[in-house]
Amino acid sequence: MMKLVIRMSVAVLAVAATLSLGYVVLEKELGLGKAYAAALEIGKPLPDFALTDSTGKEHKLADYKGKVLVINFSSPNCPFSKGADAAINALAEKYKDAAFLGIDSNKNVTADDLNKHIAASKQPYPIAKDPENKYADAVGAKVTPELFIVGKDGNLAYHGAPDNRTSPDGEPTEQYADAALKALSEGKPVEKTEVSAWGCGIKRVK
């Protein structure tokens, strides 16, 4: 009986060690660092930023004061992010009173990569580079695509996935970002304010 208990204890420890190792490998594979903040609270303002887009133009949060702002953490190397591009581009065309800004926080993406991606995808809004993923860390962005929609009052109104697709080219049945933007454009409260984001992990420098 004592030998059986010892063997079971060793087995349990081995499983725990394997799970722990698996988590570390997964964390490394997704590019997730340990410095990023918890997700921002709905109804609270976003931290300020001053980021330069792929054409060299600087963007600040204050530039969008009094406007609905859609921030799309994206990546030209992520199939999920690229798969959602058409839908997000369509939202930018549909809600012309809102401002759209892409942010790339991946360490392995250059401004040239972003310019090529914008041209290929016919993206109607700029993508700012987030050096050393500092802004992604500040707002707790973890994957691409991941949307943060700010209301005219400057407070976070929606955070999460653009829709409920389950593959890069999947057909969504729920349009979360569209519903949020529709509500904001009509001066109504957003019903579904937070949805888990899906996609590729941001490739962080740390």
N, C-alpha and C. Protein backbone atom coordinates (compact mmCIF):
# COMPACT_ATOMS: atom_id res chain seq x y z
N MET A 1 0.83 -1.21 0.00
CA MET A 1 0.00 0.00 0.00
C MET A 1 0.87 1.26 0.00
N MET A 2 1.94 1.27 0.84
CA MET A 2 2.83 2.42 0.92
C MET A 2 3.49 2.67 -0.43
N LYS A 3 3.92 1.59 -1.12
CA LYS A 3 4.54 1.74 -2.44
C LYS A 3 3.56 2.34 -3.44
N LEU A 4 2.29 1.92 -3.34
CA LEU A 4 1.26 2.42 -4.25
C LEU A 4 1.05 3.92 -4.05
N VAL A 5 1.01 4.35 -2.77
CA VAL A 5 0.82 5.76 -2.45
C VAL A 5 1.98 6.58 -3.00
N ILE A 6 3.21 6.07 -2.82
CA ILE A 6 4.39 6.78 -3.29
C ILE A 6 4.37 6.91 -4.80
N ARG A 7 4.00 5.80 -5.49
CA ARG A 7 3.94 5.83 -6.95
C ARG A 7 2.88 6.83 -7.44
N MET A 8 1.74 6.86 -6.74
CA MET A 8 0.70 7.80 -7.14
C MET A 8 1.15 9.24 -6.94
N SER A 9 1.86 9.50 -5.83
CA SER A 9 2.35 10.85 -5.56
C SER A 9 3.34 11.30 -6.62
N VAL A 10 4.22 10.38 -7.01
CA VAL A 10 5.21 10.69 -8.04
C VAL A 10 4.51 10.98 -9.35
N ALA A 11 3.47 10.20 -9.65
CA ALA A 11 2.73 10.39 -10.90
C ALA A 11 2.05 11.75 -10.93
N VAL A 12 1.45 12.13 -9.79
CA VAL A 12 0.78 13.43 -9.70
C VAL A 12 1.77 14.56 -9.90
N LEU A 13 2.93 14.46 -9.28
CA LEU A 13 3.96 15.48 -9.43
C LEU A 13 4.44 15.58 -10.86
N ALA A 14 4.55 14.44 -11.53
CA ALA A 14 5.00 14.42 -12.93
C ALA A 14 3.99 15.12 -13.83
N VAL A 15 2.71 14.85 -13.58
CA VAL A 15 1.66 15.50 -14.37
C VAL A 15 1.67 17.01 -14.15
N ALA A 16 1.82 17.41 -12.87
CA ALA A 16 1.85 18.84 -12.54
C ALA A 16 3.02 19.53 -13.23
N ALA A 17 4.19 18.83 -13.23
CA ALA A 17 5.37 19.41 -13.87
C ALA A 17 5.16 19.54 -15.37
N THR A 18 4.52 18.54 -15.96
CA THR A 18 4.25 18.57 -17.40
C THR A 18 3.32 19.72 -17.75
N LEU A 19 2.26 19.90 -16.94
CA LEU A 19 1.31 20.99 -17.19
C LEU A 19 2.00 22.33 -17.06
N SER A 20 2.85 22.46 -16.03
CA SER A 20 3.57 23.71 -15.82
C SER A 20 4.48 24.01 -17.00
N LEU A 21 5.20 22.98 -17.48
CA LEU A 21 6.08 23.15 -18.63
C LEU A 21 5.26 23.52 -19.86
N GLY A 22 4.11 22.86 -20.02
CA GLY A 22 3.25 23.14 -21.16
C GLY A 22 2.78 24.58 -21.15
N TYR A 23 2.49 25.11 -20.00
CA TYR A 23 2.04 26.50 -19.89
C TYR A 23 3.16 27.45 -20.32
N VAL A 24 4.38 27.16 -19.86
CA VAL A 24 5.51 28.01 -20.21
C VAL A 24 5.75 27.98 -21.71
N VAL A 25 5.70 26.78 -22.30
CA VAL A 25 5.90 26.66 -23.74
C VAL A 25 4.81 27.41 -24.49
N LEU A 26 3.56 27.25 -24.04
CA LEU A 26 2.44 27.95 -24.67
C LEU A 26 2.62 29.45 -24.56
N GLU A 27 3.00 29.91 -23.38
CA GLU A 27 3.20 31.34 -23.18
C GLU A 27 4.27 31.87 -24.11
N LYS A 28 5.37 31.10 -24.27
CA LYS A 28 6.45 31.52 -25.16
C LYS A 28 5.99 31.49 -26.60
N GLU A 29 5.23 30.47 -26.97
CA GLU A 29 4.77 30.32 -28.34
C GLU A 29 3.84 31.47 -28.73
N LEU A 30 2.99 31.88 -27.82
CA LEU A 30 2.05 32.97 -28.11
C LEU A 30 2.72 34.34 -28.02
N GLY A 31 3.92 34.38 -27.48
CA GLY A 31 4.60 35.67 -27.37
C GLY A 31 4.07 36.51 -26.23
N LEU A 32 3.45 35.89 -25.25
CA LEU A 32 2.88 36.66 -24.15
C LEU A 32 3.93 36.95 -23.08
N GLY A 33 4.11 38.21 -22.75
CA GLY A 33 5.00 38.57 -21.67
C GLY A 33 4.23 38.56 -20.36
N LYS A 34 4.91 38.88 -19.27
CA LYS A 34 4.24 38.88 -17.97
C LYS A 34 4.01 40.30 -17.45
N ALA A 35 4.36 41.31 -18.29
CA ALA A 35 4.27 42.68 -17.82
C ALA A 35 2.98 43.38 -18.22
N TYR A 36 2.17 42.74 -19.06
CA TYR A 36 1.00 43.46 -19.52
C TYR A 36 -0.05 43.58 -18.42
N ALA A 37 -0.84 44.63 -18.53
CA ALA A 37 -1.83 44.93 -17.50
C ALA A 37 -3.06 44.04 -17.66
N ALA A 38 -3.88 44.05 -16.64
CA ALA A 38 -5.18 43.39 -16.75
C ALA A 38 -6.03 44.19 -17.72
N ALA A 39 -7.07 43.55 -18.25
CA ALA A 39 -7.94 44.24 -19.21
C ALA A 39 -8.51 45.50 -18.58
N LEU A 40 -8.65 46.53 -19.40
CA LEU A 40 -9.19 47.79 -18.90
C LEU A 40 -10.65 47.64 -18.52
N GLU A 41 -11.08 48.49 -17.63
CA GLU A 41 -12.47 48.43 -17.16
C GLU A 41 -13.38 49.24 -18.07
N ILE A 42 -14.50 48.63 -18.44
CA ILE A 42 -15.49 49.33 -19.26
C ILE A 42 -15.97 50.58 -18.51
N GLY A 43 -16.10 51.68 -19.25
CA GLY A 43 -16.56 52.92 -18.63
C GLY A 43 -15.44 53.79 -18.09
N LYS A 44 -14.19 53.31 -18.22
CA LYS A 44 -13.04 54.08 -17.76
C LYS A 44 -12.23 54.54 -18.98
N PRO A 45 -11.50 55.65 -18.85
CA PRO A 45 -10.71 56.15 -19.98
C PRO A 45 -9.50 55.27 -20.28
N LEU A 46 -9.07 55.27 -21.53
CA LEU A 46 -7.86 54.57 -21.91
C LEU A 46 -6.65 55.41 -21.54
N PRO A 47 -5.51 54.77 -21.29
CA PRO A 47 -4.30 55.56 -21.07
C PRO A 47 -3.91 56.26 -22.37
N ASP A 48 -3.25 57.38 -22.24
CA ASP A 48 -2.87 58.17 -23.42
C ASP A 48 -1.80 57.44 -24.22
N PHE A 49 -1.66 57.82 -25.48
CA PHE A 49 -0.60 57.27 -26.32
C PHE A 49 -0.13 58.34 -27.29
N ALA A 50 1.08 58.17 -27.79
CA ALA A 50 1.63 58.98 -28.87
C ALA A 50 2.42 58.01 -29.74
N LEU A 51 1.78 57.54 -30.80
CA LEU A 51 2.36 56.50 -31.64
C LEU A 51 2.44 56.99 -33.08
N THR A 52 3.48 56.57 -33.77
CA THR A 52 3.70 56.97 -35.15
C THR A 52 3.24 55.88 -36.10
N ASP A 53 2.46 56.26 -37.12
CA ASP A 53 1.97 55.24 -38.05
C ASP A 53 3.03 54.91 -39.10
N SER A 54 2.69 54.02 -39.99
CA SER A 54 3.67 53.50 -40.95
C SER A 54 4.09 54.53 -41.99
N THR A 55 3.40 55.68 -42.04
CA THR A 55 3.80 56.75 -42.96
C THR A 55 4.59 57.84 -42.26
N GLY A 56 4.75 57.70 -40.95
CA GLY A 56 5.51 58.69 -40.18
C GLY A 56 4.66 59.70 -39.45
N LYS A 57 3.34 59.62 -39.56
CA LYS A 57 2.45 60.56 -38.88
C LYS A 57 2.20 60.11 -37.45
N GLU A 58 2.25 61.08 -36.52
CA GLU A 58 2.03 60.76 -35.11
C GLU A 58 0.54 60.83 -34.78
N HIS A 59 0.10 59.90 -33.94
CA HIS A 59 -1.29 59.86 -33.47
C HIS A 59 -1.27 59.89 -31.94
N LYS A 60 -2.14 60.73 -31.39
CA LYS A 60 -2.32 60.80 -29.95
C LYS A 60 -3.79 60.56 -29.62
N LEU A 61 -4.03 60.02 -28.44
CA LEU A 61 -5.41 59.78 -28.03
C LEU A 61 -6.20 61.08 -28.04
N ALA A 62 -5.55 62.18 -27.66
CA ALA A 62 -6.23 63.49 -27.60
C ALA A 62 -6.71 63.94 -28.98
N ASP A 63 -6.08 63.42 -30.05
CA ASP A 63 -6.49 63.79 -31.41
C ASP A 63 -7.93 63.36 -31.70
N TYR A 64 -8.40 62.37 -30.96
CA TYR A 64 -9.72 61.78 -31.23
C TYR A 64 -10.77 62.20 -30.20
N LYS A 65 -10.46 63.24 -29.45
CA LYS A 65 -11.39 63.72 -28.42
C LYS A 65 -12.75 64.08 -29.04
N GLY A 66 -13.81 63.60 -28.42
CA GLY A 66 -15.16 63.89 -28.89
C GLY A 66 -15.63 63.01 -30.02
N LYS A 67 -14.82 62.01 -30.40
CA LYS A 67 -15.20 61.09 -31.47
C LYS A 67 -15.21 59.66 -30.94
N VAL A 68 -15.99 58.83 -31.58
CA VAL A 68 -15.90 57.39 -31.31
C VAL A 68 -14.62 56.90 -31.98
N LEU A 69 -13.81 56.16 -31.24
CA LEU A 69 -12.53 55.67 -31.76
C LEU A 69 -12.48 54.15 -31.65
N VAL A 70 -12.16 53.50 -32.76
CA VAL A 70 -11.99 52.05 -32.78
C VAL A 70 -10.49 51.76 -32.92
N ILE A 71 -9.91 51.16 -31.91
CA ILE A 71 -8.51 50.75 -31.96
C ILE A 71 -8.47 49.25 -32.24
N ASN A 72 -7.78 48.90 -33.30
CA ASN A 72 -7.67 47.50 -33.70
C ASN A 72 -6.22 47.05 -33.56
N PHE A 73 -5.94 46.25 -32.53
CA PHE A 73 -4.62 45.64 -32.43
C PHE A 73 -4.56 44.54 -33.48
N SER A 74 -3.66 44.70 -34.45
CA SER A 74 -3.66 43.82 -35.61
C SER A 74 -2.25 43.34 -35.93
N SER A 75 -2.17 42.43 -36.90
CA SER A 75 -0.87 41.92 -37.35
C SER A 75 -0.98 41.48 -38.80
N PRO A 76 -0.04 41.88 -39.66
CA PRO A 76 -0.05 41.44 -41.04
C PRO A 76 0.39 39.99 -41.20
N ASN A 77 0.87 39.39 -40.12
CA ASN A 77 1.34 38.00 -40.17
C ASN A 77 0.37 37.01 -39.54
N CYS A 78 -0.75 37.51 -39.03
CA CYS A 78 -1.71 36.64 -38.34
C CYS A 78 -2.89 36.33 -39.24
N PRO A 79 -3.16 35.06 -39.52
CA PRO A 79 -4.30 34.72 -40.39
C PRO A 79 -5.64 35.17 -39.82
N PHE A 80 -5.80 35.16 -38.50
CA PHE A 80 -7.05 35.62 -37.90
C PHE A 80 -7.22 37.12 -38.08
N SER A 81 -6.14 37.87 -37.88
CA SER A 81 -6.19 39.32 -38.05
C SER A 81 -6.48 39.67 -39.51
N LYS A 82 -5.78 39.02 -40.42
CA LYS A 82 -6.01 39.28 -41.84
C LYS A 82 -7.40 38.83 -42.27
N GLY A 83 -7.89 37.75 -41.66
CA GLY A 83 -9.23 37.27 -41.99
C GLY A 83 -10.32 38.23 -41.57
N ALA A 84 -10.06 38.99 -40.50
CA ALA A 84 -11.05 39.95 -40.00
C ALA A 84 -10.93 41.32 -40.65
N ASP A 85 -9.88 41.52 -41.44
CA ASP A 85 -9.64 42.84 -42.04
C ASP A 85 -10.83 43.34 -42.85
N ALA A 86 -11.38 42.49 -43.71
CA ALA A 86 -12.48 42.93 -44.58
C ALA A 86 -13.67 43.41 -43.76
N ALA A 87 -13.98 42.69 -42.68
CA ALA A 87 -15.12 43.06 -41.84
C ALA A 87 -14.87 44.38 -41.12
N ILE A 88 -13.65 44.57 -40.64
CA ILE A 88 -13.33 45.81 -39.92
C ILE A 88 -13.24 46.97 -40.90
N ASN A 89 -12.70 46.71 -42.09
CA ASN A 89 -12.68 47.75 -43.13
C ASN A 89 -14.10 48.20 -43.48
N ALA A 90 -15.01 47.23 -43.54
CA ALA A 90 -16.41 47.54 -43.86
C ALA A 90 -17.03 48.40 -42.76
N LEU A 91 -16.65 48.15 -41.51
CA LEU A 91 -17.15 48.97 -40.40
C LEU A 91 -16.65 50.41 -40.53
N ALA A 92 -15.39 50.56 -40.95
CA ALA A 92 -14.83 51.90 -41.13
C ALA A 92 -15.57 52.66 -42.22
N GLU A 93 -16.02 51.95 -43.24
CA GLU A 93 -16.78 52.59 -44.31
C GLU A 93 -18.21 52.88 -43.87
N LYS A 94 -18.76 51.99 -43.04
CA LYS A 94 -20.15 52.14 -42.59
C LYS A 94 -20.30 53.26 -41.57
N TYR A 95 -19.36 53.33 -40.63
CA TYR A 95 -19.44 54.33 -39.57
C TYR A 95 -18.39 55.41 -39.83
N LYS A 96 -18.68 56.28 -40.78
CA LYS A 96 -17.72 57.29 -41.21
C LYS A 96 -17.49 58.39 -40.17
N ASP A 97 -18.41 58.52 -39.22
CA ASP A 97 -18.23 59.52 -38.17
C ASP A 97 -17.27 59.03 -37.08
N ALA A 98 -16.99 57.74 -37.08
CA ALA A 98 -16.06 57.17 -36.11
C ALA A 98 -14.65 57.17 -36.70
N ALA A 99 -13.65 57.21 -35.84
CA ALA A 99 -12.26 57.13 -36.26
C ALA A 99 -11.75 55.71 -36.02
N PHE A 100 -10.91 55.24 -36.92
CA PHE A 100 -10.33 53.90 -36.80
C PHE A 100 -8.81 54.03 -36.83
N LEU A 101 -8.15 53.29 -35.94
CA LEU A 101 -6.70 53.29 -35.89
C LEU A 101 -6.21 51.86 -35.58
N GLY A 102 -5.39 51.34 -36.45
CA GLY A 102 -4.76 50.06 -36.18
C GLY A 102 -3.50 50.28 -35.34
N ILE A 103 -3.18 49.31 -34.52
CA ILE A 103 -1.93 49.34 -33.75
C ILE A 103 -1.24 47.99 -33.90
N ASP A 104 0.01 48.02 -34.32
CA ASP A 104 0.80 46.78 -34.41
C ASP A 104 1.85 46.80 -33.31
N SER A 105 1.78 45.80 -32.43
CA SER A 105 2.69 45.72 -31.28
C SER A 105 3.67 44.57 -31.40
N ASN A 106 3.72 43.95 -32.57
CA ASN A 106 4.58 42.77 -32.76
C ASN A 106 6.02 43.17 -33.03
N LYS A 107 6.93 42.51 -32.36
CA LYS A 107 8.36 42.87 -32.47
C LYS A 107 8.93 42.58 -33.85
N ASN A 108 8.31 41.66 -34.60
CA ASN A 108 8.88 41.23 -35.87
C ASN A 108 8.22 41.88 -37.09
N VAL A 109 7.52 43.00 -36.90
CA VAL A 109 6.82 43.68 -37.99
C VAL A 109 7.38 45.09 -38.17
N THR A 110 7.72 45.44 -39.40
CA THR A 110 8.29 46.75 -39.70
C THR A 110 7.24 47.68 -40.32
N ALA A 111 7.58 48.95 -40.41
CA ALA A 111 6.69 49.92 -41.05
C ALA A 111 6.47 49.55 -42.51
N ASP A 112 7.49 49.03 -43.15
CA ASP A 112 7.35 48.61 -44.55
C ASP A 112 6.36 47.47 -44.67
N ASP A 113 6.42 46.54 -43.72
CA ASP A 113 5.45 45.43 -43.71
C ASP A 113 4.03 45.97 -43.60
N LEU A 114 3.85 46.97 -42.76
CA LEU A 114 2.52 47.54 -42.54
C LEU A 114 2.01 48.26 -43.79
N ASN A 115 2.90 49.02 -44.45
CA ASN A 115 2.50 49.72 -45.67
C ASN A 115 2.08 48.74 -46.77
N LYS A 116 2.81 47.64 -46.89
CA LYS A 116 2.45 46.62 -47.89
C LYS A 116 1.11 45.99 -47.55
N HIS A 117 0.90 45.75 -46.26
CA HIS A 117 -0.36 45.14 -45.82
C HIS A 117 -1.54 46.08 -46.07
N ILE A 118 -1.38 47.36 -45.76
CA ILE A 118 -2.45 48.34 -45.97
C ILE A 118 -2.82 48.41 -47.44
N ALA A 119 -1.80 48.40 -48.30
CA ALA A 119 -2.05 48.46 -49.74
C ALA A 119 -2.75 47.20 -50.24
N ALA A 120 -2.30 46.05 -49.76
CA ALA A 120 -2.86 44.78 -50.23
C ALA A 120 -4.29 44.58 -49.75
N SER A 121 -4.57 45.00 -48.51
CA SER A 121 -5.91 44.80 -47.94
C SER A 121 -6.84 45.98 -48.19
N LYS A 122 -6.30 47.04 -48.83
CA LYS A 122 -7.07 48.26 -49.10
C LYS A 122 -7.68 48.82 -47.81
N GLN A 123 -6.88 48.80 -46.77
CA GLN A 123 -7.34 49.26 -45.46
C GLN A 123 -7.52 50.78 -45.47
N PRO A 124 -8.70 51.26 -45.08
CA PRO A 124 -8.97 52.71 -45.16
C PRO A 124 -8.50 53.51 -43.95
N TYR A 125 -7.77 52.90 -43.05
CA TYR A 125 -7.29 53.63 -41.87
C TYR A 125 -5.83 53.24 -41.60
N PRO A 126 -5.10 54.10 -40.89
CA PRO A 126 -3.66 53.87 -40.67
C PRO A 126 -3.39 52.83 -39.58
N ILE A 127 -2.15 52.34 -39.58
CA ILE A 127 -1.69 51.44 -38.52
C ILE A 127 -0.48 52.08 -37.86
N ALA A 128 -0.56 52.30 -36.56
CA ALA A 128 0.55 52.87 -35.80
C ALA A 128 1.40 51.75 -35.22
N LYS A 129 2.68 52.00 -35.15
CA LYS A 129 3.60 51.03 -34.57
C LYS A 129 3.75 51.28 -33.07
N ASP A 130 3.68 50.21 -32.30
CA ASP A 130 3.76 50.28 -30.84
C ASP A 130 5.11 49.71 -30.41
N PRO A 131 6.16 50.56 -30.33
CA PRO A 131 7.50 50.06 -30.02
C PRO A 131 7.56 49.32 -28.69
N GLU A 132 8.17 48.15 -28.73
CA GLU A 132 8.36 47.33 -27.54
C GLU A 132 7.03 46.99 -26.86
N ASN A 133 5.96 46.96 -27.64
CA ASN A 133 4.61 46.59 -27.18
C ASN A 133 4.19 47.29 -25.89
N LYS A 134 4.65 48.53 -25.70
CA LYS A 134 4.37 49.24 -24.45
C LYS A 134 2.89 49.58 -24.30
N TYR A 135 2.24 50.00 -25.42
CA TYR A 135 0.83 50.35 -25.29
C TYR A 135 -0.03 49.10 -25.15
N ALA A 136 0.34 48.03 -25.85
CA ALA A 136 -0.37 46.76 -25.67
C ALA A 136 -0.30 46.31 -24.22
N ASP A 137 0.86 46.49 -23.61
CA ASP A 137 1.02 46.14 -22.19
C ASP A 137 0.12 47.01 -21.33
N ALA A 138 0.05 48.31 -21.66
CA ALA A 138 -0.70 49.26 -20.83
C ALA A 138 -2.19 48.97 -20.83
N VAL A 139 -2.73 48.51 -21.97
CA VAL A 139 -4.17 48.26 -22.05
C VAL A 139 -4.52 46.79 -21.90
N GLY A 140 -3.50 45.92 -21.82
CA GLY A 140 -3.76 44.50 -21.64
C GLY A 140 -4.14 43.77 -22.91
N ALA A 141 -3.77 44.31 -24.07
CA ALA A 141 -4.05 43.63 -25.35
C ALA A 141 -3.16 42.40 -25.46
N LYS A 142 -3.74 41.29 -25.85
CA LYS A 142 -3.00 40.03 -25.89
C LYS A 142 -2.96 39.38 -27.27
N VAL A 143 -3.99 39.61 -28.09
CA VAL A 143 -4.06 38.90 -29.37
C VAL A 143 -4.38 39.87 -30.50
N THR A 144 -4.31 39.33 -31.72
CA THR A 144 -4.73 40.07 -32.91
C THR A 144 -5.69 39.20 -33.70
N PRO A 145 -6.87 39.77 -34.05
CA PRO A 145 -7.33 41.13 -33.78
C PRO A 145 -7.92 41.25 -32.38
N GLU A 146 -7.81 42.43 -31.81
CA GLU A 146 -8.43 42.74 -30.52
C GLU A 146 -8.85 44.20 -30.55
N LEU A 147 -10.14 44.45 -30.35
CA LEU A 147 -10.69 45.80 -30.50
C LEU A 147 -10.94 46.48 -29.16
N PHE A 148 -10.63 47.76 -29.13
CA PHE A 148 -10.99 48.64 -28.02
C PHE A 148 -11.77 49.79 -28.64
N ILE A 149 -13.04 49.91 -28.30
CA ILE A 149 -13.88 50.98 -28.86
C ILE A 149 -14.16 52.01 -27.77
N VAL A 150 -13.77 53.25 -28.06
CA VAL A 150 -13.90 54.35 -27.11
C VAL A 150 -15.07 55.23 -27.53
N GLY A 151 -15.93 55.57 -26.58
CA GLY A 151 -17.07 56.43 -26.87
C GLY A 151 -16.67 57.90 -26.97
N LYS A 152 -17.60 58.73 -27.35
CA LYS A 152 -17.33 60.17 -27.49
C LYS A 152 -16.91 60.80 -26.16
N ASP A 153 -17.30 60.16 -25.06
CA ASP A 153 -16.94 60.67 -23.74
C ASP A 153 -15.50 60.30 -23.34
N GLY A 154 -14.82 59.55 -24.22
CA GLY A 154 -13.44 59.18 -23.94
C GLY A 154 -13.29 57.92 -23.12
N ASN A 155 -14.40 57.27 -22.80
CA ASN A 155 -14.35 56.06 -21.98
C ASN A 155 -14.52 54.80 -22.83
N LEU A 156 -13.95 53.72 -22.35
CA LEU A 156 -14.02 52.45 -23.06
C LEU A 156 -15.45 51.94 -23.07
N ALA A 157 -15.97 51.69 -24.26
CA ALA A 157 -17.36 51.24 -24.41
C ALA A 157 -17.45 49.77 -24.81
N TYR A 158 -16.40 49.26 -25.46
CA TYR A 158 -16.40 47.84 -25.90
C TYR A 158 -14.97 47.36 -25.98
N HIS A 159 -14.77 46.09 -25.60
CA HIS A 159 -13.46 45.46 -25.70
C HIS A 159 -13.63 44.00 -26.05
N GLY A 160 -12.93 43.57 -27.11
CA GLY A 160 -12.97 42.15 -27.44
C GLY A 160 -12.87 41.87 -28.92
N ALA A 161 -13.46 40.74 -29.32
CA ALA A 161 -13.42 40.30 -30.70
C ALA A 161 -14.36 41.12 -31.58
N PRO A 162 -14.06 41.24 -32.87
CA PRO A 162 -14.97 41.95 -33.76
C PRO A 162 -16.28 41.21 -33.99
N ASP A 163 -16.21 39.88 -33.95
CA ASP A 163 -17.40 39.04 -34.16
C ASP A 163 -17.13 37.66 -33.57
N ASN A 164 -18.01 36.70 -33.84
CA ASN A 164 -17.87 35.39 -33.21
C ASN A 164 -17.40 34.30 -34.15
N ARG A 165 -16.65 34.67 -35.19
CA ARG A 165 -16.13 33.64 -36.09
C ARG A 165 -15.19 32.71 -35.33
N THR A 166 -15.03 31.49 -35.82
CA THR A 166 -14.17 30.52 -35.17
C THR A 166 -12.97 30.13 -36.02
N SER A 167 -12.85 30.72 -37.20
CA SER A 167 -11.70 30.49 -38.07
C SER A 167 -11.45 31.78 -38.84
N PRO A 168 -10.25 31.95 -39.41
CA PRO A 168 -9.94 33.21 -40.10
C PRO A 168 -10.94 33.59 -41.18
N ASP A 169 -11.44 32.60 -41.91
CA ASP A 169 -12.40 32.89 -42.99
C ASP A 169 -13.80 32.41 -42.64
N GLY A 170 -14.06 32.23 -41.33
CA GLY A 170 -15.36 31.74 -40.89
C GLY A 170 -16.47 32.76 -41.08
N GLU A 171 -17.70 32.27 -41.10
CA GLU A 171 -18.87 33.13 -41.24
C GLU A 171 -19.45 33.41 -39.85
N PRO A 172 -19.29 34.62 -39.34
CA PRO A 172 -19.81 34.94 -38.00
C PRO A 172 -21.33 35.04 -37.99
N THR A 173 -21.90 34.74 -36.84
CA THR A 173 -23.35 34.87 -36.65
C THR A 173 -23.69 36.02 -35.70
N GLU A 174 -22.65 36.56 -35.03
CA GLU A 174 -22.85 37.71 -34.14
C GLU A 174 -21.80 38.76 -34.46
N GLN A 175 -22.25 39.98 -34.67
CA GLN A 175 -21.37 41.10 -35.02
C GLN A 175 -21.23 42.03 -33.81
N TYR A 176 -20.30 41.71 -32.93
CA TYR A 176 -20.17 42.45 -31.68
C TYR A 176 -19.78 43.92 -31.90
N ALA A 177 -18.75 44.14 -32.72
CA ALA A 177 -18.27 45.50 -32.94
C ALA A 177 -19.31 46.34 -33.67
N ASP A 178 -19.97 45.75 -34.64
CA ASP A 178 -21.01 46.45 -35.38
C ASP A 178 -22.14 46.89 -34.44
N ALA A 179 -22.55 45.98 -33.57
CA ALA A 179 -23.62 46.29 -32.62
C ALA A 179 -23.20 47.42 -31.67
N ALA A 180 -21.94 47.38 -31.23
CA ALA A 180 -21.45 48.42 -30.33
C ALA A 180 -21.41 49.77 -31.02
N LEU A 181 -20.93 49.79 -32.26
CA LEU A 181 -20.85 51.05 -33.01
C LEU A 181 -22.23 51.60 -33.35
N LYS A 182 -23.16 50.71 -33.64
CA LYS A 182 -24.53 51.14 -33.93
C LYS A 182 -25.14 51.82 -32.70
N ALA A 183 -24.94 51.20 -31.54
CA ALA A 183 -25.48 51.77 -30.30
C ALA A 183 -24.85 53.14 -30.03
N LEU A 184 -23.55 53.24 -30.18
CA LEU A 184 -22.86 54.50 -29.92
C LEU A 184 -23.29 55.59 -30.89
N SER A 185 -23.50 55.20 -32.16
CA SER A 185 -23.92 56.19 -33.15
C SER A 185 -25.33 56.71 -32.88
N GLU A 186 -26.13 55.89 -32.18
CA GLU A 186 -27.50 56.29 -31.86
C GLU A 186 -27.62 56.87 -30.46
N GLY A 187 -26.50 57.00 -29.77
CA GLY A 187 -26.52 57.55 -28.42
C GLY A 187 -27.10 56.61 -27.39
N LYS A 188 -27.03 55.31 -27.67
CA LYS A 188 -27.58 54.30 -26.76
C LYS A 188 -26.44 53.54 -26.07
N PRO A 189 -26.74 52.92 -24.92
CA PRO A 189 -25.70 52.13 -24.25
C PRO A 189 -25.39 50.85 -25.03
N VAL A 190 -24.15 50.44 -25.00
CA VAL A 190 -23.74 49.19 -25.64
C VAL A 190 -24.20 48.04 -24.77
N GLU A 191 -24.92 47.09 -25.34
CA GLU A 191 -25.46 45.97 -24.55
C GLU A 191 -24.37 44.96 -24.20
N LYS A 192 -23.62 44.51 -25.19
CA LYS A 192 -22.57 43.53 -24.94
C LYS A 192 -21.24 44.27 -24.99
N THR A 193 -20.68 44.54 -23.81
CA THR A 193 -19.50 45.41 -23.73
C THR A 193 -18.17 44.67 -23.75
N GLU A 194 -18.17 43.40 -23.39
CA GLU A 194 -16.92 42.64 -23.35
C GLU A 194 -17.13 41.23 -23.89
N VAL A 195 -16.25 40.84 -24.81
CA VAL A 195 -16.27 39.50 -25.40
C VAL A 195 -14.83 39.02 -25.50
N SER A 196 -14.58 37.78 -25.21
CA SER A 196 -13.22 37.25 -25.31
C SER A 196 -12.69 37.40 -26.73
N ALA A 197 -11.50 37.94 -26.86
CA ALA A 197 -10.88 38.10 -28.17
C ALA A 197 -10.21 36.80 -28.58
N TRP A 198 -10.26 36.50 -29.87
CA TRP A 198 -9.59 35.32 -30.41
C TRP A 198 -8.54 35.78 -31.40
N GLY A 199 -7.57 34.94 -31.68
CA GLY A 199 -6.55 35.30 -32.66
C GLY A 199 -5.17 34.85 -32.30
N CYS A 200 -4.15 35.49 -32.87
CA CYS A 200 -2.75 35.14 -32.65
C CYS A 200 -2.19 35.97 -31.50
N GLY A 201 -1.37 35.37 -30.68
CA GLY A 201 -0.74 36.11 -29.59
C GLY A 201 0.18 37.18 -30.13
N ILE A 202 0.17 38.35 -29.49
CA ILE A 202 1.09 39.42 -29.87
C ILE A 202 2.51 38.99 -29.56
N LYS A 203 3.39 39.11 -30.52
CA LYS A 203 4.78 38.70 -30.36
C LYS A 203 5.55 39.82 -29.66
N ARG A 204 5.60 39.70 -28.35
CA ARG A 204 6.18 40.74 -27.51
C ARG A 204 7.71 40.64 -27.43
N VAL A 205 8.33 41.78 -27.09
CA VAL A 205 9.77 41.78 -26.91
C VAL A 205 10.16 41.20 -25.56
N LYS A 206 9.18 41.15 -24.63
CA LYS A 206 9.47 40.64 -23.30
C LYS A 206 8.22 40.05 -22.69
